[in-house]
C-alpha cells in the first residue's frame, strides 16, 4: 500500500467513526434531514475526493458538488423571508 492510499483509508475510517457518533448521539434531538440537493452535493464531493488521482475528474466532481451546495443554500435563503440576490 502506498502512502496516499493509507491516508485515504484513514480518512474514510475517520468519517465512518464520525458518522456513527452523530447517528447514535442524535436519537433524542429533533431531526433535521438534508435536502435531496444537499445529499447529491455531498455525494459528488466524496466522489471527487475518491477519484482525486485523476485531477480532471476529481476537481470536476468536487466543483459540481460545490455548485449544488451553493444552489441549495440560495434556495433555502429564498424560501426564508423573500430573499432576493439582486435587490438586498
C-alpha atoms as a PDB file:
ATOM      1  CA  UNK A   1       0.000   0.000   0.000  1.00  0.00           C
ATOM      2  CA  UNK A   2       1.255   3.421  -0.883  1.00  0.00           C
ATOM      3  CA  UNK A   3       1.182   6.397   1.463  1.00  0.00           C
ATOM      4  CA  UNK A   4      -1.668   8.108  -0.412  1.00  0.00           C
ATOM      5  CA  UNK A   5      -3.841   5.003  -0.122  1.00  0.00           C
ATOM      6  CA  UNK A   6      -3.156   4.827   3.606  1.00  0.00           C
ATOM      7  CA  UNK A   7      -4.205   8.478   4.019  1.00  0.00           C
ATOM      8  CA  UNK A   8      -7.436   7.839   2.108  1.00  0.00           C
ATOM      9  CA  UNK A   9      -8.151   4.764   4.214  1.00  0.00           C
ATOM     10  CA  UNK A  10      -7.555   6.722   7.439  1.00  0.00           C
ATOM     11  CA  UNK A  11      -9.876   9.489   6.166  1.00  0.00           C
ATOM     12  CA  UNK A  12     -12.643   7.029   5.318  1.00  0.00           C
ATOM     13  CA  UNK A  13     -12.345   5.341   8.718  1.00  0.00           C
ATOM     14  CA  UNK A  14     -12.455   8.741  10.476  1.00  0.00           C
ATOM     15  CA  UNK A  15     -15.566   9.756   8.506  1.00  0.00           C
ATOM     16  CA  UNK A  16     -17.240   6.444   9.373  1.00  0.00           C
ATOM     17  CA  UNK A  17     -16.488   6.929  13.078  1.00  0.00           C
ATOM     18  CA  UNK A  18     -17.852  10.490  13.000  1.00  0.00           C
ATOM     19  CA  UNK A  19     -20.975   9.357  11.124  1.00  0.00           C
ATOM     20  CA  UNK A  20     -21.619   6.597  13.670  1.00  0.00           C
ATOM     21  CA  UNK A  21     -21.111   9.020  16.578  1.00  0.00           C
ATOM     22  CA  UNK A  22     -23.570  11.506  15.083  1.00  0.00           C
ATOM     23  CA  UNK A  23     -26.058   8.744  14.279  1.00  0.00           C
ATOM     24  CA  UNK A  24     -26.056   7.258  17.773  1.00  0.00           C
ATOM     25  CA  UNK A  25     -25.927  10.541  19.689  1.00  0.00           C
ATOM     26  CA  UNK A  26     -28.692  12.232  17.704  1.00  0.00           C
ATOM     27  CA  UNK A  27     -31.546   9.955  18.779  1.00  0.00           C
ATOM     28  CA  UNK A  28     -33.095  12.426  21.253  1.00  0.00           C
ATOM     29  CA  UNK A  29     -32.928  15.572  19.153  1.00  0.00           C
ATOM     30  CA  UNK A  30     -35.365  16.805  16.574  1.00  0.00           C
ATOM     31  CA  UNK A  31     -34.221  15.532  13.234  1.00  0.00           C
ATOM     32  CA  UNK A  32     -33.057  17.887  10.501  1.00  0.00           C
ATOM     33  CA  UNK A  33     -32.731  15.997   7.261  1.00  0.00           C
ATOM     34  CA  UNK A  34     -30.613  17.036   4.329  1.00  0.00           C
ATOM     35  CA  UNK A  35     -32.424  18.185   1.253  1.00  0.00           C
ATOM     36  CA  UNK A  36     -32.017  15.977  -1.824  1.00  0.00           C
ATOM     37  CA  UNK A  37     -29.843  18.652  -3.436  1.00  0.00           C
ATOM     38  CA  UNK A  38     -27.551  18.706  -0.390  1.00  0.00           C
ATOM     39  CA  UNK A  39     -27.338  14.913  -0.477  1.00  0.00           C
ATOM     40  CA  UNK A  40     -26.264  14.962  -4.129  1.00  0.00           C
ATOM     41  CA  UNK A  41     -23.743  17.668  -3.310  1.00  0.00           C
ATOM     42  CA  UNK A  42     -22.258  15.558  -0.523  1.00  0.00           C
ATOM     43  CA  UNK A  43     -22.033  12.508  -2.806  1.00  0.00           C
ATOM     44  CA  UNK A  44     -20.293  14.465  -5.583  1.00  0.00           C
ATOM     45  CA  UNK A  45     -17.748  15.921  -3.158  1.00  0.00           C
ATOM     46  CA  UNK A  46     -16.959  12.473  -1.705  1.00  0.00           C
ATOM     47  CA  UNK A  47     -16.624  11.047  -5.226  1.00  0.00           C
ATOM     48  CA  UNK A  48     -14.304  13.913  -6.107  1.00  0.00           C
ATOM     49  CA  UNK A  49     -12.096  13.002  -3.168  1.00  0.00           C
ATOM     50  CA  UNK A  50     -12.141   9.312  -4.060  1.00  0.00           C
ATOM     51  CA  UNK A  51     -11.284   9.960  -7.726  1.00  0.00           C
ATOM     52  CA  UNK A  52      -8.611  12.505  -6.801  1.00  0.00           C
ATOM     53  CA  UNK A  53      -5.877  10.564  -8.594  1.00  0.00           C
ATOM     54  CA  UNK A  54      -7.193  11.845 -11.913  1.00  0.00           C
ATOM     55  CA  UNK A  55      -7.208  15.596 -11.251  1.00  0.00           C
ATOM     56  CA  UNK A  56      -9.668  16.446 -14.034  1.00  0.00           C
ATOM     57  CA  UNK A  57     -12.341  14.040 -12.796  1.00  0.00           C
ATOM     58  CA  UNK A  58     -11.661  14.726  -9.102  1.00  0.00           C
ATOM     59  CA  UNK A  59     -11.830  18.503  -9.356  1.00  0.00           C
ATOM     60  CA  UNK A  60     -14.757  18.305 -11.749  1.00  0.00           C
ATOM     61  CA  UNK A  61     -16.819  16.211  -9.337  1.00  0.00           C
ATOM     62  CA  UNK A  62     -15.906  18.478  -6.425  1.00  0.00           C
ATOM     63  CA  UNK A  63     -16.875  21.527  -8.475  1.00  0.00           C
ATOM     64  CA  UNK A  64     -20.254  20.005  -9.275  1.00  0.00           C
ATOM     65  CA  UNK A  65     -20.769  19.240  -5.580  1.00  0.00           C
ATOM     66  CA  UNK A  66     -19.889  22.772  -4.512  1.00  0.00           C
ATOM     67  CA  UNK A  67     -22.149  24.246  -7.188  1.00  0.00           C
ATOM     68  CA  UNK A  68     -25.060  22.093  -5.999  1.00  0.00           C
ATOM     69  CA  UNK A  69     -24.411  23.146  -2.387  1.00  0.00           C
ATOM     70  CA  UNK A  70     -24.462  26.828  -3.338  1.00  0.00           C
ATOM     71  CA  UNK A  71     -27.714  26.360  -5.274  1.00  0.00           C
ATOM     72  CA  UNK A  72     -29.217  24.628  -2.236  1.00  0.00           C
ATOM     73  CA  UNK A  73     -28.142  27.485   0.046  1.00  0.00           C
ATOM     74  CA  UNK A  74     -29.744  30.064  -2.244  1.00  0.00           C
ATOM     75  CA  UNK A  75     -32.953  28.012  -2.434  1.00  0.00           C
ATOM     76  CA  UNK A  76     -33.136  27.877   1.370  1.00  0.00           C
ATOM     77  CA  UNK A  77     -32.444  31.604   1.696  1.00  0.00           C
ATOM     78  CA  UNK A  78     -35.039  32.421  -0.945  1.00  0.00           C
ATOM     79  CA  UNK A  79     -37.625  30.383   0.927  1.00  0.00           C
ATOM     80  CA  UNK A  80     -36.942  32.442   4.079  1.00  0.00           C
ATOM     81  CA  UNK A  81     -38.397  35.962   4.114  1.00  0.00           C
ATOM     82  CA  UNK A  82     -38.310  36.552   0.372  1.00  0.00           C
ATOM     83  CA  UNK A  83     -34.529  36.642  -0.093  1.00  0.00           C
ATOM     84  CA  UNK A  84     -33.552  38.400  -3.318  1.00  0.00           C
ATOM     85  CA  UNK A  85     -29.948  38.288  -4.512  1.00  0.00           C
ATOM     86  CA  UNK A  86     -30.106  41.369  -6.721  1.00  0.00           C
ATOM     87  CA  UNK A  87     -32.173  43.714  -4.531  1.00  0.00           C
ATOM     88  CA  UNK A  88     -30.978  43.498  -0.922  1.00  0.00           C
END
